[in-house]
């Protein structure tokens, strides 16, 4: 690898959700002309680990990653500077400083915009502070983060304590970010926030999401726009009618974290929506009959009985979600749910998760069979390392990183291209297509 003179070699590890990935891209963008991305910690002058601290498994993964990275660079001379940032630092900064002396620099989330100055101080090097963004996704898509924080008071969630209240980006700022991503060749914008439906409320906007989409959807070069993290309470008939009227490039894909189906559990969760998800799904299908719906569910929440779980099973079987993720409840320190009575045994939680995912696997397998021998648009992401000439991509109902993929091959297939592929094989979660 050729190293540019006076260039800071940096290796990044971004854990957790796409919102974290955007933070990493923005941090790198603050010093874009001064850095060179390298593939391994051993090649780097700086190793940056952006952590997740949302739930206990994420905390464990973050700590393990820090320890493994510290071990990998411990004997190097000169030793790279180890920098740790993200939600784990926000949640456990003092404990981390005591328990992880291997880390050279802890950076809180508010300090991320000051990273060039912090590195300049630590390394005694001049690092100009810039305003850009270093895209790290596959060339076809990019994440568009429209707000930070959350005003919802879900009793199991640590996000408000880690990220603070809702803070929406101004519309013009988001439009400029979208234009920047599209100028890099991005064809799909994935709109993300902790609650996309709440966008603009803190700015006094009554129809913030609608206003934003009216500005972003007409942008040149945009082929697909996908909405992630839509809270059920925000999916009113008025909003759904608007979304249905948008047409291309808005893909009919709705990511709605229902979390549960039983009103008793939803009430004790403190969810802003406490009705049967069937009502919301019926409303969606009235306005958008062919919409793909993704959701997440939590099993083993305090007080969840067998009857509550069976209600959830029956709801999942009735709705037949396009995609569904299932989490076992974790009593996160500092959340009201952690102190609730009726904590469920871990073995029971795991059994319920397994059962629900088995049901969803069969639903997904049956859903995908309907696409056999159809022509589908596929946005190509990257080469498949196991097979030369085979690529992974996604069709309109597959979001990056969280859903299944479409394996595609044929003439003109390359990363970043939107191609038409004939689906000739369907699997449990994936499709296989050929460009004819």
Protein backbone atom coordinates (compact mmCIF):
# COMPACT_ATOMS: atom_id res chain seq x y z
CA UNK A 1 0.00 0.00 0.00
CA UNK A 2 1.35 3.41 -0.96
CA UNK A 3 1.25 5.94 1.87
CA UNK A 4 0.89 9.59 0.97
CA UNK A 5 3.32 11.95 2.72
CA UNK A 6 1.85 13.65 5.79
CA UNK A 7 -1.25 11.51 5.44
CA UNK A 8 -2.80 10.00 8.54
CA UNK A 9 -3.48 6.30 8.04
CA UNK A 10 -6.72 5.36 9.80
CA UNK A 11 -8.51 2.06 10.33
CA UNK A 12 -12.14 2.23 11.43
CA UNK A 13 -14.46 -0.29 13.05
CA UNK A 14 -18.10 0.82 13.18
CA UNK A 15 -20.42 -1.31 15.29
CA UNK A 16 -24.18 -1.20 15.73
CA UNK A 17 -26.80 0.51 13.65
CA UNK A 18 -26.59 2.53 10.41
CA UNK A 19 -26.86 5.73 12.46
CA UNK A 20 -23.48 4.84 13.92
CA UNK A 21 -22.11 4.24 10.45
CA UNK A 22 -23.19 7.74 9.42
CA UNK A 23 -21.44 9.16 12.49
CA UNK A 24 -18.26 7.33 11.46
CA UNK A 25 -18.52 8.64 7.90
CA UNK A 26 -19.00 12.20 9.18
CA UNK A 27 -16.04 11.89 11.57
CA UNK A 28 -13.80 10.73 8.74
CA UNK A 29 -15.21 13.49 6.57
CA UNK A 30 -14.00 16.13 9.02
CA UNK A 31 -10.45 15.31 7.93
CA UNK A 32 -11.04 13.72 4.54
CA UNK A 33 -8.08 15.23 2.67
CA UNK A 34 -5.68 14.39 5.53
CA UNK A 35 -6.38 10.67 5.91
CA UNK A 36 -5.94 7.39 4.11
CA UNK A 37 -8.20 4.46 4.99
CA UNK A 38 -6.32 1.21 5.62
CA UNK A 39 -7.65 -2.31 5.88
CA UNK A 40 -6.09 -3.51 9.15
CA UNK A 41 -5.14 -2.01 12.54
CA UNK A 42 -1.52 -3.00 11.93
CA UNK A 43 -1.28 -0.61 8.96
CA UNK A 44 -2.73 2.35 10.82
CA UNK A 45 -1.55 5.44 12.65
CA UNK A 46 -5.00 5.68 14.26
CA UNK A 47 -7.55 2.96 14.98
CA UNK A 48 -11.05 4.32 15.52
CA UNK A 49 -13.70 2.09 17.12
CA UNK A 50 -17.25 3.49 17.05
CA UNK A 51 -19.17 1.44 19.59
CA UNK A 52 -22.77 0.46 20.26
CA UNK A 53 -24.21 0.32 23.77
CA UNK A 54 -27.91 -0.17 23.07
CA UNK A 55 -28.41 -3.61 24.64
CA UNK A 56 -26.23 -6.01 26.59
CA UNK A 57 -25.03 -8.12 23.62
CA UNK A 58 -23.97 -4.91 21.84
CA UNK A 59 -22.09 -3.79 24.96
CA UNK A 60 -20.31 -7.15 25.13
CA UNK A 61 -19.44 -7.03 21.42
CA UNK A 62 -18.09 -3.50 21.75
CA UNK A 63 -15.89 -4.33 24.75
CA UNK A 64 -14.63 -7.51 23.08
CA UNK A 65 -13.80 -5.60 19.90
CA UNK A 66 -11.86 -2.97 21.87
CA UNK A 67 -9.87 -5.66 23.71
CA UNK A 68 -9.11 -7.62 20.53
CA UNK A 69 -8.03 -4.46 18.73
CA UNK A 70 -5.84 -3.35 21.63
CA UNK A 71 -4.21 -6.78 21.66
CA UNK A 72 -3.58 -6.67 17.90
CA UNK A 73 -1.64 -3.40 18.11
CA UNK A 74 -0.02 -3.81 21.54
CA UNK A 75 3.42 -4.85 20.26
CA UNK A 76 3.62 -2.55 17.25
CA UNK A 77 6.30 0.11 17.12
CA UNK A 78 5.15 2.75 16.66
CA UNK A 79 1.85 1.74 18.19
CA UNK A 80 -1.27 3.20 16.57
CA UNK A 81 -3.40 5.54 18.63
CA UNK A 82 -6.50 3.66 19.82
CA UNK A 83 -9.59 5.91 19.82
CA UNK A 84 -12.98 4.75 21.13
CA UNK A 85 -16.23 6.65 20.66
CA UNK A 86 -19.98 6.02 20.36
CA UNK A 87 -22.83 4.95 22.60
CA UNK A 88 -20.71 2.75 24.86
CA UNK A 89 -18.64 5.78 25.82
CA UNK A 90 -21.79 7.79 26.50
CA UNK A 91 -23.11 5.05 28.75
CA UNK A 92 -20.00 3.90 30.63
CA UNK A 93 -17.29 6.52 30.11
CA UNK A 94 -15.93 6.56 33.66
CA UNK A 95 -15.93 2.77 33.97
CA UNK A 96 -14.20 2.42 30.60
CA UNK A 97 -11.47 4.87 31.56
CA UNK A 98 -10.75 2.78 34.63
CA UNK A 99 -11.06 -0.67 33.07
CA UNK A 100 -9.49 -0.07 29.64
CA UNK A 101 -6.18 1.74 30.04
CA UNK A 102 -5.22 0.36 26.62
CA UNK A 103 -7.44 3.02 25.03
CA UNK A 104 -5.55 6.23 24.28
CA UNK A 105 -8.51 8.51 23.66
CA UNK A 106 -12.18 8.32 24.57
CA UNK A 107 -14.45 10.58 22.50
CA UNK A 108 -18.06 11.27 23.50
CA UNK A 109 -20.69 11.69 20.80
CA UNK A 110 -20.81 15.50 21.19
CA UNK A 111 -17.00 15.55 20.84
CA UNK A 112 -17.04 13.67 17.53
CA UNK A 113 -17.12 16.90 15.53
CA UNK A 114 -13.93 17.92 17.34
CA UNK A 115 -12.02 14.76 16.37
CA UNK A 116 -9.43 16.59 14.18
CA UNK A 117 -8.50 18.87 17.09
CA UNK A 118 -8.37 15.94 19.53
CA UNK A 119 -6.10 13.96 17.20
CA UNK A 120 -3.94 17.01 16.58
CA UNK A 121 -3.42 17.34 20.33
CA UNK A 122 -2.73 13.62 20.81
CA UNK A 123 -0.44 13.16 17.80
CA UNK A 124 1.09 16.66 17.58
CA UNK A 125 0.18 16.82 13.92
CA UNK A 126 -1.68 19.44 11.95
CA UNK A 127 -5.07 18.02 10.90
CA UNK A 128 -7.39 20.54 9.19
CA UNK A 129 -11.06 20.40 10.16
CA UNK A 130 -13.24 19.95 7.08
CA UNK A 131 -16.96 19.58 6.36
CA UNK A 132 -17.45 16.49 4.24
CA UNK A 133 -18.42 12.83 4.56
CA UNK A 134 -16.46 9.70 3.71
CA UNK A 135 -18.91 7.23 2.18
CA UNK A 136 -18.24 3.69 3.46
CA UNK A 137 -21.20 1.74 2.09
CA UNK A 138 -21.34 -0.15 -1.18
CA UNK A 139 -21.38 2.33 -4.08
CA UNK A 140 -25.10 2.03 -4.83
CA UNK A 141 -26.57 3.31 -1.56
CA UNK A 142 -26.00 5.70 1.31
CA UNK A 143 -27.70 6.47 4.61
CA UNK A 144 -29.43 9.82 5.09
CA UNK A 145 -29.75 10.54 8.82
CA UNK A 146 -32.43 13.17 9.33
CA UNK A 147 -32.50 13.53 13.11
CA UNK A 148 -30.76 12.59 16.32
CA UNK A 149 -32.23 11.42 19.62
CA UNK A 150 -35.79 10.50 20.50
CA UNK A 151 -38.72 11.92 22.50
CA UNK A 152 -40.54 8.60 22.89
CA UNK A 153 -40.42 7.12 26.37
CA UNK A 154 -40.28 3.37 25.71
CA UNK A 155 -39.49 1.80 29.07
CA UNK A 156 -36.97 -0.71 27.69
CA UNK A 157 -34.90 1.72 25.63
CA UNK A 158 -31.60 3.42 26.47
CA UNK A 159 -31.49 5.68 23.40
CA UNK A 160 -32.91 8.88 24.96
CA UNK A 161 -30.34 8.67 27.77
CA UNK A 162 -27.52 8.04 25.28
CA UNK A 163 -28.52 10.29 22.39
CA UNK A 164 -30.79 12.83 24.06
CA UNK A 165 -34.11 14.27 22.88
CA UNK A 166 -35.25 14.63 19.28
CA UNK A 167 -33.10 17.04 17.29
CA UNK A 168 -34.09 17.25 13.63
CA UNK A 169 -31.67 18.42 10.98
CA UNK A 170 -32.90 21.44 8.98
CA UNK A 171 -34.48 20.51 5.65
CA UNK A 172 -31.84 22.40 3.63
CA UNK A 173 -29.04 20.58 5.46
CA UNK A 174 -30.56 17.20 4.65
CA UNK A 175 -31.18 18.14 1.01
CA UNK A 176 -27.55 19.21 0.64
CA UNK A 177 -26.41 15.93 2.22
CA UNK A 178 -28.63 14.01 -0.19
CA UNK A 179 -27.19 15.92 -3.14
CA UNK A 180 -23.67 15.14 -1.92
CA UNK A 181 -24.43 11.42 -1.70
CA UNK A 182 -26.06 11.37 -5.14
CA UNK A 183 -23.06 13.19 -6.60
CA UNK A 184 -20.94 10.24 -5.43
CA UNK A 185 -22.98 7.91 -7.65
CA UNK A 186 -25.37 6.71 -4.96
CA UNK A 187 -28.69 5.54 -6.41
CA UNK A 188 -30.54 4.65 -3.20
CA UNK A 189 -30.98 6.90 -0.17
CA UNK A 190 -31.95 5.06 3.02
CA UNK A 191 -33.61 7.58 5.35
CA UNK A 192 -32.86 6.80 9.00
CA UNK A 193 -33.58 8.26 12.43
CA UNK A 194 -34.66 6.86 15.76
CA UNK A 195 -38.22 7.77 14.70
CA UNK A 196 -38.54 8.98 11.11
CA UNK A 197 -42.22 9.85 11.58
CA UNK A 198 -41.30 12.39 14.28
CA UNK A 199 -39.07 14.38 11.94
CA UNK A 200 -39.50 18.15 12.31
CA UNK A 201 -41.70 18.17 15.43
CA UNK A 202 -38.95 19.89 17.43
CA UNK A 203 -38.68 22.48 14.63
CA UNK A 204 -42.38 23.30 14.86
CA UNK A 205 -43.25 21.48 11.62
CA UNK A 206 -46.65 19.79 11.45
CA UNK A 207 -45.83 17.73 8.37
CA UNK A 208 -42.06 17.50 8.59
CA UNK A 209 -41.55 14.18 6.84
CA UNK A 210 -43.86 15.17 3.99
CA UNK A 211 -42.06 18.50 3.56
CA UNK A 212 -38.70 16.76 3.50
CA UNK A 213 -39.76 14.13 0.97
CA UNK A 214 -41.18 16.78 -1.34
CA UNK A 215 -37.68 18.29 -1.47
CA UNK A 216 -35.63 15.09 -1.71
CA UNK A 217 -37.66 12.84 -4.02
CA UNK A 218 -37.23 15.03 -7.16
CA UNK A 219 -33.41 15.14 -6.87
CA UNK A 220 -31.52 14.12 -10.00
CA UNK A 221 -29.96 10.67 -9.91
CA UNK A 222 -32.20 9.27 -7.19
CA UNK A 223 -33.59 5.86 -8.17
CA UNK A 224 -34.81 4.58 -4.79
CA UNK A 225 -35.61 6.19 -1.45
CA UNK A 226 -36.30 3.89 1.49
CA UNK A 227 -37.78 4.85 4.88
CA UNK A 228 -36.53 3.04 7.98
CA UNK A 229 -37.73 3.17 11.62
CA UNK A 230 -41.31 4.40 11.22
CA UNK A 231 -43.09 4.36 14.57
CA UNK A 232 -46.62 2.95 14.33
CA UNK A 233 -48.16 6.00 16.01
CA UNK A 234 -46.91 8.19 13.15
CA UNK A 235 -48.57 6.18 10.38
CA UNK A 236 -51.85 8.03 10.16
CA UNK A 237 -54.25 7.66 7.26
CA UNK A 238 -53.21 11.12 6.09
CA UNK A 239 -49.52 10.21 6.08
CA UNK A 240 -50.06 6.86 4.39
CA UNK A 241 -52.14 8.51 1.68
CA UNK A 242 -49.29 10.93 1.09
CA UNK A 243 -46.70 8.13 0.90
CA UNK A 244 -48.90 6.18 -1.50
CA UNK A 245 -49.16 9.23 -3.75
CA UNK A 246 -45.40 9.75 -4.00
CA UNK A 247 -44.67 6.95 -6.43
CA UNK A 248 -41.16 6.36 -7.70
CA UNK A 249 -38.48 6.82 -6.39
CA UNK A 250 -40.10 6.13 -2.99
CA UNK A 251 -40.09 2.35 -2.67
CA UNK A 252 -43.19 0.83 -1.02
CA UNK A 253 -41.18 -0.51 1.90
CA UNK A 254 -42.08 0.34 5.50
CA UNK A 255 -39.90 -0.55 8.47
CA UNK A 256 -42.14 -0.42 11.55
CA UNK A 257 -40.80 -1.59 14.94
CA UNK A 258 -44.03 -2.94 16.45
CA UNK A 259 -42.09 -4.68 19.29
CA UNK A 260 -45.17 -6.67 20.39
CA UNK A 261 -48.83 -7.24 19.59
CA UNK A 262 -50.62 -7.62 22.91
CA UNK A 263 -52.07 -4.37 24.32
CA UNK A 264 -51.05 -5.29 27.88
CA UNK A 265 -47.39 -5.63 26.89
CA UNK A 266 -47.44 -2.56 24.64
CA UNK A 267 -48.90 -0.54 27.52
CA UNK A 268 -46.24 -1.65 30.00
CA UNK A 269 -43.58 -1.01 27.35
CA UNK A 270 -44.70 2.61 27.26
CA UNK A 271 -45.08 2.49 23.51
CA UNK A 272 -46.63 5.55 21.83
CA UNK A 273 -48.93 3.11 20.01
CA UNK A 274 -50.94 0.68 22.10
CA UNK A 275 -53.34 -0.95 19.67
CA UNK A 276 -53.33 -4.18 17.72
CA UNK A 277 -50.68 -4.04 14.92
CA UNK A 278 -53.32 -5.63 12.68
CA UNK A 279 -55.09 -2.26 12.65
CA UNK A 280 -51.99 -0.45 11.40
CA UNK A 281 -51.19 -3.13 8.81
CA UNK A 282 -54.78 -3.04 7.55
CA UNK A 283 -54.48 0.73 7.22
CA UNK A 284 -51.22 0.37 5.31
CA UNK A 285 -52.63 -2.18 2.92
CA UNK A 286 -55.65 0.01 2.25
CA UNK A 287 -53.34 2.75 0.96
CA UNK A 288 -50.38 0.64 -0.25
CA UNK A 289 -51.64 -2.88 -1.06
CA UNK A 290 -48.26 -4.17 -2.27
CA UNK A 291 -46.08 -2.62 0.43
CA UNK A 292 -43.31 -4.70 1.96
CA UNK A 293 -43.41 -4.47 5.76
CA UNK A 294 -40.43 -5.13 8.02
CA UNK A 295 -40.70 -5.19 11.80
CA UNK A 296 -38.89 -6.11 15.01
CA UNK A 297 -40.39 -7.90 18.00
CA UNK A 298 -39.27 -8.31 21.60
CA UNK A 299 -40.00 -11.55 23.44
CA UNK A 300 -39.70 -12.14 27.15
CA UNK A 301 -40.63 -8.63 28.23
CA UNK A 302 -41.44 -8.49 31.98
CA UNK A 303 -44.91 -9.87 32.57
CA UNK A 304 -45.14 -11.64 29.19
CA UNK A 305 -47.19 -14.79 29.80
CA UNK A 306 -47.70 -17.75 27.50
CA UNK A 307 -51.02 -16.19 26.49
CA UNK A 308 -49.32 -12.92 25.58
CA UNK A 309 -46.74 -14.80 23.52
CA UNK A 310 -49.42 -16.83 21.74
CA UNK A 311 -51.15 -13.56 20.84
CA UNK A 312 -47.87 -12.44 19.29
CA UNK A 313 -47.50 -15.72 17.39
CA UNK A 314 -51.02 -15.46 15.99
CA UNK A 315 -50.45 -11.84 14.97
CA UNK A 316 -47.25 -12.71 13.11
CA UNK A 317 -49.00 -15.59 11.36
CA UNK A 318 -51.89 -13.34 10.37
CA UNK A 319 -49.83 -10.39 9.10
CA UNK A 320 -47.10 -12.39 7.33
CA UNK A 321 -44.41 -9.71 7.49
CA UNK A 322 -41.97 -9.50 4.61
CA UNK A 323 -39.13 -9.34 7.13
CA UNK A 324 -39.00 -9.66 10.90
CA UNK A 325 -36.22 -9.53 13.47
CA UNK A 326 -36.71 -10.89 16.99
CA UNK A 327 -34.86 -9.83 20.14
CA UNK A 328 -35.02 -11.27 23.62
CA UNK A 329 -35.65 -8.63 26.28
CA UNK A 330 -32.58 -7.42 28.16
CA UNK A 331 -33.07 -5.58 31.47
CA UNK A 332 -30.85 -2.63 30.59
CA UNK A 333 -29.41 -0.76 33.55
CA UNK A 334 -31.17 2.55 34.11
CA UNK A 335 -34.35 1.68 32.21
CA UNK A 336 -37.72 1.35 34.00
CA UNK A 337 -38.25 -2.09 32.49
CA UNK A 338 -35.16 -3.43 34.25
CA UNK A 339 -36.82 -2.90 37.64
CA UNK A 340 -40.23 -4.29 36.68
CA UNK A 341 -41.70 -7.34 38.34
CA UNK A 342 -42.32 -10.50 36.35
CA UNK A 343 -38.92 -10.86 34.70
CA UNK A 344 -38.98 -13.85 32.34
CA UNK A 345 -36.47 -16.70 32.57
CA UNK A 346 -33.72 -16.49 29.93
CA UNK A 347 -34.37 -20.01 28.68
CA UNK A 348 -38.02 -19.15 28.10
CA UNK A 349 -36.98 -16.00 26.22
CA UNK A 350 -34.67 -17.96 23.95
CA UNK A 351 -37.29 -20.63 23.29
CA UNK A 352 -39.82 -17.97 22.33
CA UNK A 353 -37.34 -16.25 20.04
CA UNK A 354 -36.54 -19.55 18.31
CA UNK A 355 -40.22 -20.36 17.89
CA UNK A 356 -41.05 -16.96 16.40
CA UNK A 357 -38.11 -17.03 14.00
CA UNK A 358 -39.06 -20.52 12.82
CA UNK A 359 -42.53 -19.21 12.00
CA UNK A 360 -41.09 -16.20 10.18
CA UNK A 361 -38.66 -18.36 8.22
CA UNK A 362 -41.54 -20.36 6.77
CA UNK A 363 -43.49 -17.18 6.01
CA UNK A 364 -40.47 -15.67 4.28
CA UNK A 365 -39.87 -18.82 2.23
CA UNK A 366 -43.49 -18.82 1.05
CA UNK A 367 -43.49 -15.06 0.37
CA UNK A 368 -40.39 -15.27 -1.81
CA UNK A 369 -41.79 -18.14 -3.90
CA UNK A 370 -44.14 -15.60 -5.45
CA UNK A 371 -41.19 -13.90 -7.15
CA UNK A 372 -40.00 -16.97 -9.04
CA UNK A 373 -39.61 -16.30 -12.76
CA UNK A 374 -40.42 -12.59 -12.37
CA UNK A 375 -38.30 -9.71 -13.60
CA UNK A 376 -37.06 -7.60 -10.67
CA UNK A 377 -34.89 -4.48 -10.40
CA UNK A 378 -31.70 -5.28 -8.47
CA UNK A 379 -29.29 -2.72 -7.09
CA UNK A 380 -25.88 -4.41 -7.16
CA UNK A 381 -23.82 -4.03 -3.97
CA UNK A 382 -20.60 -6.05 -4.20
CA UNK A 383 -18.90 -9.13 -5.69
CA UNK A 384 -19.61 -12.42 -3.98
CA UNK A 385 -16.16 -13.62 -2.76
CA UNK A 386 -16.99 -17.33 -3.15
CA UNK A 387 -17.99 -17.24 -6.83
CA UNK A 388 -16.37 -15.26 -9.61
CA UNK A 389 -18.95 -13.40 -11.67
CA UNK A 390 -21.61 -13.59 -8.93
CA UNK A 391 -22.66 -10.45 -7.05
CA UNK A 392 -24.87 -9.65 -4.10
CA UNK A 393 -27.51 -7.01 -4.49
CA UNK A 394 -31.00 -6.13 -3.37
CA UNK A 395 -34.36 -5.72 -4.94
CA UNK A 396 -36.85 -3.07 -3.81
CA UNK A 397 -38.12 -5.00 -0.77
CA UNK A 398 -34.63 -5.74 0.62
CA UNK A 399 -32.99 -3.08 2.77
CA UNK A 400 -29.20 -3.10 3.13
CA UNK A 401 -27.60 -4.96 6.04
CA UNK A 402 -30.84 -6.12 7.72
CA UNK A 403 -32.76 -8.11 5.08
CA UNK A 404 -31.95 -10.92 2.69
CA UNK A 405 -30.07 -10.35 -0.56
CA UNK A 406 -30.47 -11.11 -4.24
CA UNK A 407 -27.56 -12.98 -5.82
CA UNK A 408 -27.22 -11.79 -9.39
CA UNK A 409 -24.98 -12.46 -12.39
CA UNK A 410 -24.97 -11.70 -16.08
CA UNK A 411 -23.79 -9.06 -18.54
CA UNK A 412 -23.26 -5.56 -17.20
CA UNK A 413 -23.55 -6.54 -13.54
CA UNK A 414 -21.20 -4.48 -11.37
CA UNK A 415 -21.37 -2.68 -8.00
CA UNK A 416 -23.52 0.44 -8.04
CA UNK A 417 -25.57 -0.55 -11.08
CA UNK A 418 -29.34 -0.98 -11.09
CA UNK A 419 -30.12 -3.97 -13.33
CA UNK A 420 -33.17 -6.00 -14.33
CA UNK A 421 -32.83 -9.66 -13.34
CA UNK A 422 -35.00 -12.68 -13.90
CA UNK A 423 -35.49 -14.55 -10.59
CA UNK A 424 -34.78 -18.22 -11.22
CA UNK A 425 -34.37 -19.46 -7.62
CA UNK A 426 -35.92 -18.51 -4.28
CA UNK A 427 -34.59 -19.44 -0.85
CA UNK A 428 -35.72 -18.81 2.74
CA UNK A 429 -34.51 -15.21 2.83
CA UNK A 430 -32.64 -14.71 -0.47
CA UNK A 431 -33.26 -14.66 -4.20
CA UNK A 432 -31.07 -15.70 -7.12
CA UNK A 433 -31.41 -13.81 -10.40
CA UNK A 434 -29.87 -13.59 -13.83
CA UNK A 435 -29.57 -10.57 -16.11
CA UNK A 436 -30.73 -11.84 -19.49
